[in-house]
Structure formats: structure tokens, C-alpha cells
């Protein structure tokens, strides 16, 4: 059955393209944050362990919402490591980083995801795709706040 939600195919594809990049960045940041949750050590262990868990749990919900929005637009969502690897701007972490370096790397990751959401916004706005624009606005807000919280832990 033909999809008819009031957004033409070209616009839906452009929006889904931006959301796919956001999905890849979000999933890669999820993995990185989960890695750091498992492997953080040092005097800030408990604080960081809990903070990282809060952040990766939120990201796990977000990736599902982003993928479902892509599907609602009638586009197949990327869903493999190779697809995410080709789309993401986030670098992987080894888990061997110091606690302070983990924080630094997650600040960079959170800011990267915020920028990716911001870059995807104009296509949604142009097509009057309020649900995608709302999702992108929420993602920017979450990632900017997380980056601030993490950044505040650095000297």
C-alpha cells in the first residue's frame, strides 16, 4: 500500500537520511558509553558508573524511537554494525582510557550527536515534518545537557 502522510518521497528520504546518521551516532555513543560503564576505574568509579548507566539507558530508548520514526517515514532503518560504522562520526572507545579521558570522549560524543541532530533539522522543517522536528529537538536538548553535565566534571 502506498504511503501518503503528506510528505513527498524525496523529502521523506532526505529526512530519513539525516535520522539514519543520528541513529548511527546514537547507537555508537550507546556502545561507547556502555563500554565505559563497564570499564571505568578510579576514585570517581561509583559516580561515573551510575552516570554512564543513566546515559546509555536513555540512548537505548532513543535509538528505538529514531529507528521507528525512520520506519514511519517509509524508509528502512540501518541496523547493522557495518551500516552504523559507515554513517557515524563517533569514534569507538577501547575501555582502557582513564576516567577523565572517558569523560572527555563522551563530551565529544554527546556534542557530535547534538550537531548531527541539528544538521538533520532543516530537512524536517522544510517538509513540515513536525514529528521528526520534535524528535530532533528533544535529542539536541538531551545531548547538550549530557555534554554540559560531563564537561562540568572536568578540571
N, C-alpha and C. Protein backbone atom coordinates (compact mmCIF):
# COMPACT_ATOMS: atom_id res chain seq x y z
N UNK A 1 0.84 -1.17 0.00
CA UNK A 1 0.00 0.00 0.00
C UNK A 1 0.89 1.24 0.00
N UNK A 2 0.52 2.22 -0.77
CA UNK A 2 1.29 3.46 -0.90
C UNK A 2 1.21 4.30 0.37
N UNK A 3 2.35 4.82 0.78
CA UNK A 3 2.43 5.69 1.95
C UNK A 3 1.99 7.10 1.55
N UNK A 4 1.04 7.67 2.29
CA UNK A 4 0.53 9.01 2.00
C UNK A 4 0.32 9.76 3.31
N UNK A 5 1.42 10.33 3.83
CA UNK A 5 1.34 11.06 5.10
C UNK A 5 1.50 12.57 4.89
N UNK A 6 1.50 13.01 3.64
CA UNK A 6 1.60 14.43 3.35
C UNK A 6 3.02 14.94 3.19
N UNK A 7 3.97 14.01 3.07
CA UNK A 7 5.37 14.38 2.83
C UNK A 7 5.81 13.60 1.60
N UNK A 8 6.30 14.30 0.57
CA UNK A 8 6.66 13.58 -0.65
C UNK A 8 7.87 12.68 -0.44
N UNK A 9 8.04 11.76 -1.36
CA UNK A 9 9.07 10.72 -1.25
C UNK A 9 10.47 11.32 -1.09
N UNK A 10 10.79 12.30 -1.90
CA UNK A 10 12.13 12.90 -1.84
C UNK A 10 12.40 13.53 -0.47
N UNK A 11 11.41 14.22 0.07
CA UNK A 11 11.57 14.82 1.39
C UNK A 11 11.67 13.75 2.48
N UNK A 12 10.85 12.69 2.38
CA UNK A 12 10.92 11.61 3.36
C UNK A 12 12.30 10.95 3.33
N UNK A 13 12.85 10.77 2.15
CA UNK A 13 14.18 10.16 2.02
C UNK A 13 15.25 11.06 2.62
N UNK A 14 15.14 12.37 2.40
CA UNK A 14 16.11 13.32 2.96
C UNK A 14 16.04 13.32 4.49
N UNK A 15 14.84 13.35 5.01
CA UNK A 15 14.66 13.33 6.47
C UNK A 15 15.21 12.04 7.05
N UNK A 16 14.85 10.92 6.43
CA UNK A 16 15.31 9.61 6.90
C UNK A 16 16.83 9.50 6.81
N UNK A 17 17.42 10.13 5.81
CA UNK A 17 18.89 10.13 5.71
C UNK A 17 19.53 10.79 6.90
N UNK A 18 19.00 11.94 7.30
CA UNK A 18 19.52 12.62 8.48
C UNK A 18 19.26 11.83 9.75
N UNK A 19 18.07 11.25 9.85
CA UNK A 19 17.75 10.44 11.02
C UNK A 19 18.61 9.18 11.07
N UNK A 20 18.97 8.63 9.93
CA UNK A 20 19.84 7.45 9.89
C UNK A 20 21.23 7.78 10.44
N UNK A 21 21.73 8.95 10.12
CA UNK A 21 23.01 9.38 10.68
C UNK A 21 22.89 9.57 12.19
N UNK A 22 21.76 10.15 12.62
CA UNK A 22 21.52 10.32 14.04
C UNK A 22 21.43 8.97 14.74
N UNK A 23 20.77 8.02 14.10
CA UNK A 23 20.66 6.67 14.66
C UNK A 23 22.05 6.04 14.80
N UNK A 24 22.87 6.15 13.78
CA UNK A 24 24.21 5.58 13.81
C UNK A 24 25.06 6.23 14.90
N UNK A 25 25.02 7.55 14.99
CA UNK A 25 25.78 8.24 16.04
C UNK A 25 25.26 7.86 17.43
N UNK A 26 23.96 7.79 17.57
CA UNK A 26 23.37 7.46 18.87
C UNK A 26 23.71 6.04 19.29
N UNK A 27 23.64 5.11 18.35
CA UNK A 27 23.95 3.72 18.68
C UNK A 27 25.43 3.55 19.02
N UNK A 28 26.28 4.21 18.28
CA UNK A 28 27.72 4.13 18.54
C UNK A 28 28.05 4.77 19.88
N UNK A 29 27.41 5.90 20.20
CA UNK A 29 27.61 6.52 21.51
C UNK A 29 27.06 5.63 22.61
N UNK A 30 25.96 4.95 22.36
CA UNK A 30 25.41 3.99 23.32
C UNK A 30 26.46 2.92 23.64
N UNK A 31 27.04 2.34 22.61
CA UNK A 31 28.06 1.29 22.81
C UNK A 31 29.27 1.83 23.57
N UNK A 32 29.70 3.01 23.20
CA UNK A 32 30.87 3.62 23.85
C UNK A 32 30.58 3.90 25.32
N UNK A 33 29.41 4.43 25.60
CA UNK A 33 29.04 4.75 26.98
C UNK A 33 28.89 3.48 27.80
N UNK A 34 28.31 2.44 27.21
CA UNK A 34 28.17 1.16 27.90
C UNK A 34 29.55 0.56 28.18
N UNK A 35 30.45 0.64 27.22
CA UNK A 35 31.84 0.18 27.38
C UNK A 35 32.48 0.89 28.58
N UNK A 36 32.33 2.19 28.63
CA UNK A 36 32.93 2.97 29.72
C UNK A 36 32.26 2.64 31.06
N UNK A 37 30.98 2.40 31.05
CA UNK A 37 30.27 2.00 32.27
C UNK A 37 30.89 0.72 32.84
N UNK A 38 31.16 -0.23 31.98
CA UNK A 38 31.74 -1.50 32.42
C UNK A 38 33.19 -1.36 32.86
N UNK A 39 33.94 -0.46 32.24
CA UNK A 39 35.39 -0.46 32.39
C UNK A 39 35.98 0.72 33.14
N UNK A 40 35.16 1.65 33.60
CA UNK A 40 35.70 2.80 34.34
C UNK A 40 36.30 2.33 35.67
N UNK A 41 37.38 2.97 36.06
CA UNK A 41 38.03 2.68 37.35
C UNK A 41 38.45 4.00 37.98
N UNK A 42 38.84 3.93 39.24
CA UNK A 42 39.39 5.11 39.91
C UNK A 42 38.46 5.66 40.96
N UNK A 43 38.89 6.79 41.57
CA UNK A 43 38.16 7.36 42.69
C UNK A 43 36.74 7.82 42.34
N UNK A 44 36.47 8.11 41.08
CA UNK A 44 35.13 8.55 40.67
C UNK A 44 34.29 7.38 40.15
N UNK A 45 34.74 6.15 40.42
CA UNK A 45 34.09 4.97 39.85
C UNK A 45 32.57 4.98 40.04
N UNK A 46 32.11 5.08 41.27
CA UNK A 46 30.67 4.95 41.52
C UNK A 46 29.88 6.04 40.81
N UNK A 47 30.33 7.27 40.92
CA UNK A 47 29.65 8.39 40.28
C UNK A 47 29.56 8.19 38.78
N UNK A 48 30.70 7.83 38.17
CA UNK A 48 30.72 7.66 36.71
C UNK A 48 29.96 6.41 36.28
N UNK A 49 30.09 5.34 37.02
CA UNK A 49 29.38 4.10 36.70
C UNK A 49 27.87 4.37 36.63
N UNK A 50 27.35 5.08 37.60
CA UNK A 50 25.92 5.40 37.64
C UNK A 50 25.56 6.39 36.53
N UNK A 51 26.36 7.42 36.35
CA UNK A 51 26.09 8.41 35.32
C UNK A 51 26.09 7.78 33.92
N UNK A 52 27.09 6.96 33.65
CA UNK A 52 27.18 6.31 32.35
C UNK A 52 25.97 5.39 32.12
N UNK A 53 25.55 4.68 33.18
CA UNK A 53 24.38 3.81 33.04
C UNK A 53 23.13 4.61 32.71
N UNK A 54 22.95 5.72 33.37
CA UNK A 54 21.80 6.59 33.08
C UNK A 54 21.83 7.03 31.62
N UNK A 55 23.01 7.40 31.14
CA UNK A 55 23.12 7.89 29.77
C UNK A 55 22.93 6.78 28.75
N UNK A 56 23.52 5.61 28.96
CA UNK A 56 23.34 4.56 27.95
C UNK A 56 21.92 4.01 27.97
N UNK A 57 21.26 4.02 29.11
CA UNK A 57 19.87 3.57 29.18
C UNK A 57 18.97 4.51 28.39
N UNK A 58 19.21 5.81 28.53
CA UNK A 58 18.44 6.80 27.77
C UNK A 58 18.70 6.63 26.27
N UNK A 59 19.96 6.38 25.90
CA UNK A 59 20.30 6.17 24.49
C UNK A 59 19.63 4.93 23.93
N UNK A 60 19.51 3.87 24.72
CA UNK A 60 18.86 2.64 24.25
C UNK A 60 17.41 2.91 23.86
N UNK A 61 16.73 3.74 24.64
CA UNK A 61 15.36 4.12 24.29
C UNK A 61 15.35 5.00 23.05
N UNK A 62 16.30 5.92 22.98
CA UNK A 62 16.35 6.87 21.87
C UNK A 62 16.57 6.18 20.53
N UNK A 63 17.46 5.19 20.48
CA UNK A 63 17.72 4.55 19.19
C UNK A 63 16.46 3.87 18.67
N UNK A 64 15.66 3.33 19.55
CA UNK A 64 14.41 2.71 19.12
C UNK A 64 13.45 3.77 18.57
N UNK A 65 13.34 4.90 19.24
CA UNK A 65 12.46 5.97 18.78
C UNK A 65 12.91 6.52 17.43
N UNK A 66 14.21 6.68 17.25
CA UNK A 66 14.74 7.20 15.99
C UNK A 66 14.46 6.20 14.86
N UNK A 67 14.76 4.93 15.10
CA UNK A 67 14.54 3.90 14.07
C UNK A 67 13.05 3.81 13.72
N UNK A 68 12.19 3.89 14.71
CA UNK A 68 10.75 3.82 14.44
C UNK A 68 10.27 5.02 13.65
N UNK A 69 10.87 6.19 13.87
CA UNK A 69 10.49 7.37 13.07
C UNK A 69 10.92 7.18 11.61
N UNK A 70 12.10 6.62 11.40
CA UNK A 70 12.56 6.34 10.04
C UNK A 70 11.57 5.41 9.36
N UNK A 71 11.14 4.36 10.06
CA UNK A 71 10.18 3.40 9.50
C UNK A 71 8.84 4.06 9.23
N UNK A 72 8.40 4.96 10.10
CA UNK A 72 7.12 5.66 9.89
C UNK A 72 7.17 6.51 8.63
N UNK A 73 8.38 6.92 8.25
CA UNK A 73 8.55 7.69 7.01
C UNK A 73 8.61 6.77 5.79
N UNK A 74 8.52 5.46 6.02
CA UNK A 74 8.50 4.51 4.91
C UNK A 74 9.87 4.12 4.40
N UNK A 75 10.90 4.36 5.20
CA UNK A 75 12.28 4.06 4.82
C UNK A 75 12.82 2.99 5.76
N UNK A 76 13.64 2.11 5.22
CA UNK A 76 14.24 1.07 6.05
C UNK A 76 15.35 1.69 6.91
N UNK A 77 15.33 1.37 8.20
CA UNK A 77 16.33 1.91 9.14
C UNK A 77 17.61 1.09 9.06
N UNK A 78 18.77 1.75 9.09
CA UNK A 78 20.03 0.99 9.16
C UNK A 78 20.05 0.24 10.50
N UNK A 79 20.59 -0.99 10.47
CA UNK A 79 20.51 -1.78 11.70
C UNK A 79 21.64 -2.80 11.82
N UNK A 80 22.81 -2.44 11.33
CA UNK A 80 23.95 -3.34 11.47
C UNK A 80 25.18 -2.53 11.85
N UNK A 81 26.17 -3.22 12.43
CA UNK A 81 27.41 -2.54 12.78
C UNK A 81 28.04 -1.91 11.54
N UNK A 82 28.02 -2.62 10.42
CA UNK A 82 28.65 -2.07 9.22
C UNK A 82 27.91 -0.83 8.73
N UNK A 83 26.59 -0.85 8.78
CA UNK A 83 25.82 0.33 8.37
C UNK A 83 26.09 1.50 9.31
N UNK A 84 26.08 1.23 10.61
CA UNK A 84 26.35 2.29 11.58
C UNK A 84 27.76 2.83 11.40
N UNK A 85 28.70 1.94 11.19
CA UNK A 85 30.10 2.34 11.01
C UNK A 85 30.27 3.28 9.82
N UNK A 86 29.52 3.01 8.76
CA UNK A 86 29.61 3.84 7.56
C UNK A 86 28.97 5.21 7.76
N UNK A 87 28.03 5.31 8.69
CA UNK A 87 27.28 6.56 8.87
C UNK A 87 27.74 7.42 10.05
N UNK A 88 28.38 6.81 11.05
CA UNK A 88 28.67 7.54 12.29
C UNK A 88 29.90 8.43 12.20
N UNK A 89 29.89 9.46 13.03
CA UNK A 89 31.06 10.32 13.21
C UNK A 89 31.71 10.06 14.56
N UNK A 90 31.14 9.16 15.35
CA UNK A 90 31.64 8.85 16.69
C UNK A 90 32.74 7.80 16.59
N UNK A 91 33.83 8.02 17.30
CA UNK A 91 34.89 7.01 17.34
C UNK A 91 34.65 6.06 18.51
N UNK A 92 35.07 4.84 18.34
CA UNK A 92 34.93 3.85 19.40
C UNK A 92 35.91 4.12 20.53
N UNK A 93 35.57 3.64 21.70
CA UNK A 93 36.48 3.69 22.83
C UNK A 93 37.02 2.30 23.11
N UNK A 94 38.20 2.23 23.69
CA UNK A 94 38.79 0.93 23.99
C UNK A 94 38.37 0.41 25.35
N UNK A 95 38.03 1.30 26.27
CA UNK A 95 37.76 0.91 27.64
C UNK A 95 39.00 0.96 28.50
N UNK A 96 40.16 1.23 27.87
CA UNK A 96 41.41 1.34 28.61
C UNK A 96 41.72 2.79 28.98
N UNK A 97 40.87 3.73 28.56
CA UNK A 97 41.09 5.14 28.85
C UNK A 97 40.97 5.40 30.36
N UNK A 98 41.63 6.46 30.80
CA UNK A 98 41.46 6.90 32.19
C UNK A 98 40.03 7.41 32.35
N UNK A 99 39.56 7.49 33.58
CA UNK A 99 38.21 8.01 33.83
C UNK A 99 38.05 9.41 33.24
N UNK A 100 39.07 10.25 33.42
CA UNK A 100 38.99 11.62 32.88
C UNK A 100 38.92 11.61 31.36
N UNK A 101 39.68 10.73 30.72
CA UNK A 101 39.63 10.65 29.25
C UNK A 101 38.29 10.10 28.79
N UNK A 102 37.73 9.18 29.53
CA UNK A 102 36.38 8.67 29.18
C UNK A 102 35.39 9.82 29.20
N UNK A 103 35.45 10.65 30.22
CA UNK A 103 34.56 11.81 30.31
C UNK A 103 34.77 12.71 29.10
N UNK A 104 36.01 13.02 28.78
CA UNK A 104 36.33 13.88 27.62
C UNK A 104 35.75 13.29 26.33
N UNK A 105 35.96 12.00 26.15
CA UNK A 105 35.48 11.34 24.93
C UNK A 105 33.95 11.35 24.86
N UNK A 106 33.29 11.21 25.99
CA UNK A 106 31.83 11.24 25.99
C UNK A 106 31.29 12.64 25.77
N UNK A 107 32.01 13.66 26.24
CA UNK A 107 31.62 15.04 25.92
C UNK A 107 31.65 15.22 24.40
N UNK A 108 32.73 14.79 23.79
CA UNK A 108 32.87 14.90 22.33
C UNK A 108 31.73 14.14 21.64
N UNK A 109 31.44 12.95 22.13
CA UNK A 109 30.37 12.14 21.55
C UNK A 109 29.01 12.79 21.69
N UNK A 110 28.70 13.30 22.88
CA UNK A 110 27.41 13.96 23.10
C UNK A 110 27.27 15.19 22.20
N UNK A 111 28.34 15.97 22.09
CA UNK A 111 28.29 17.16 21.23
C UNK A 111 28.15 16.77 19.76
N UNK A 112 28.79 15.69 19.37
CA UNK A 112 28.68 15.21 17.98
C UNK A 112 27.24 14.82 17.66
N UNK A 113 26.60 14.10 18.57
CA UNK A 113 25.21 13.70 18.33
C UNK A 113 24.30 14.93 18.27
N UNK A 114 24.54 15.90 19.12
CA UNK A 114 23.75 17.14 19.08
C UNK A 114 23.90 17.83 17.73
N UNK A 115 25.13 17.88 17.21
CA UNK A 115 25.36 18.51 15.90
C UNK A 115 24.68 17.71 14.78
N UNK A 116 24.74 16.39 14.86
CA UNK A 116 24.10 15.55 13.84
C UNK A 116 22.59 15.80 13.84
N UNK A 117 21.98 15.90 15.02
CA UNK A 117 20.54 16.19 15.10
C UNK A 117 20.25 17.56 14.50
N UNK A 118 21.09 18.53 14.81
CA UNK A 118 20.91 19.89 14.30
C UNK A 118 21.03 19.92 12.77
N UNK A 119 21.97 19.14 12.23
CA UNK A 119 22.15 19.08 10.77
C UNK A 119 20.94 18.45 10.07
N UNK A 120 20.25 17.55 10.75
CA UNK A 120 19.09 16.88 10.16
C UNK A 120 17.82 17.73 10.24
N UNK A 121 17.82 18.72 11.10
CA UNK A 121 16.62 19.50 11.37
C UNK A 121 16.06 20.25 10.14
N UNK A 122 16.90 20.91 9.32
CA UNK A 122 16.33 21.68 8.21
C UNK A 122 15.47 20.86 7.24
N UNK A 123 15.84 19.61 6.98
CA UNK A 123 15.03 18.79 6.07
C UNK A 123 13.65 18.52 6.66
N UNK A 124 13.59 18.27 7.97
CA UNK A 124 12.30 18.05 8.62
C UNK A 124 11.47 19.33 8.62
N UNK A 125 12.12 20.43 8.92
CA UNK A 125 11.43 21.71 8.96
C UNK A 125 10.89 22.09 7.59
N UNK A 126 11.69 21.89 6.55
CA UNK A 126 11.29 22.22 5.17
C UNK A 126 10.04 21.46 4.75
N UNK A 127 9.94 20.20 5.19
CA UNK A 127 8.81 19.35 4.80
C UNK A 127 7.64 19.44 5.77
N UNK A 128 7.72 20.35 6.74
CA UNK A 128 6.68 20.45 7.77
C UNK A 128 6.46 19.12 8.48
N UNK A 129 7.56 18.41 8.72
CA UNK A 129 7.51 17.12 9.41
C UNK A 129 7.71 17.38 10.90
N UNK A 130 6.63 17.78 11.55
CA UNK A 130 6.69 18.13 12.97
C UNK A 130 7.14 16.97 13.85
N UNK A 131 6.68 15.73 13.62
CA UNK A 131 7.15 14.64 14.48
C UNK A 131 8.68 14.45 14.43
N UNK A 132 9.25 14.52 13.24
CA UNK A 132 10.71 14.39 13.13
C UNK A 132 11.40 15.60 13.74
N UNK A 133 10.87 16.80 13.49
CA UNK A 133 11.46 18.01 14.07
C UNK A 133 11.41 17.96 15.59
N UNK A 134 10.30 17.48 16.14
CA UNK A 134 10.18 17.35 17.59
C UNK A 134 11.20 16.36 18.14
N UNK A 135 11.32 15.22 17.48
CA UNK A 135 12.31 14.21 17.90
C UNK A 135 13.72 14.79 17.87
N UNK A 136 14.05 15.51 16.81
CA UNK A 136 15.39 16.10 16.69
C UNK A 136 15.61 17.16 17.78
N UNK A 137 14.60 17.96 18.06
CA UNK A 137 14.72 18.97 19.12
C UNK A 137 14.97 18.31 20.46
N UNK A 138 14.22 17.25 20.75
CA UNK A 138 14.43 16.53 22.01
C UNK A 138 15.84 15.95 22.09
N UNK A 139 16.32 15.38 21.00
CA UNK A 139 17.67 14.78 21.00
C UNK A 139 18.73 15.86 21.23
N UNK A 140 18.59 17.01 20.59
CA UNK A 140 19.55 18.09 20.80
C UNK A 140 19.57 18.49 22.27
N UNK A 141 18.40 18.63 22.85
CA UNK A 141 18.29 19.05 24.25
C UNK A 141 18.97 18.04 25.17
N UNK A 142 18.72 16.76 24.98
CA UNK A 142 19.31 15.72 25.83
C UNK A 142 20.83 15.72 25.70
N UNK A 143 21.32 15.75 24.48
CA UNK A 143 22.77 15.63 24.27
C UNK A 143 23.52 16.89 24.71
N UNK A 144 22.93 18.05 24.52
CA UNK A 144 23.57 19.27 25.00
C UNK A 144 23.64 19.27 26.53
N UNK A 145 22.57 18.81 27.19
CA UNK A 145 22.58 18.74 28.65
C UNK A 145 23.59 17.70 29.14
N UNK A 146 23.63 16.52 28.50
CA UNK A 146 24.59 15.50 28.90
C UNK A 146 26.03 15.99 28.73
N UNK A 147 26.30 16.69 27.63
CA UNK A 147 27.64 17.22 27.40
C UNK A 147 28.01 18.21 28.51
N UNK A 148 27.08 19.06 28.89
CA UNK A 148 27.31 20.03 29.96
C UNK A 148 27.60 19.32 31.28
N UNK A 149 26.78 18.30 31.61
CA UNK A 149 26.97 17.57 32.86
C UNK A 149 28.35 16.89 32.89
N UNK A 150 28.71 16.25 31.79
CA UNK A 150 30.01 15.60 31.72
C UNK A 150 31.15 16.62 31.79
N UNK A 151 31.01 17.70 31.01
CA UNK A 151 32.04 18.75 30.96
C UNK A 151 32.28 19.34 32.34
N UNK A 152 31.23 19.44 33.16
CA UNK A 152 31.35 20.04 34.48
C UNK A 152 32.21 19.19 35.41
N UNK A 153 32.46 17.94 35.04
CA UNK A 153 33.29 17.04 35.88
C UNK A 153 34.77 17.17 35.56
N UNK A 154 35.09 17.90 34.50
CA UNK A 154 36.48 18.08 34.10
C UNK A 154 37.06 19.33 34.73
N UNK A 155 38.33 19.28 35.04
CA UNK A 155 39.00 20.44 35.66
C UNK A 155 39.19 21.57 34.69
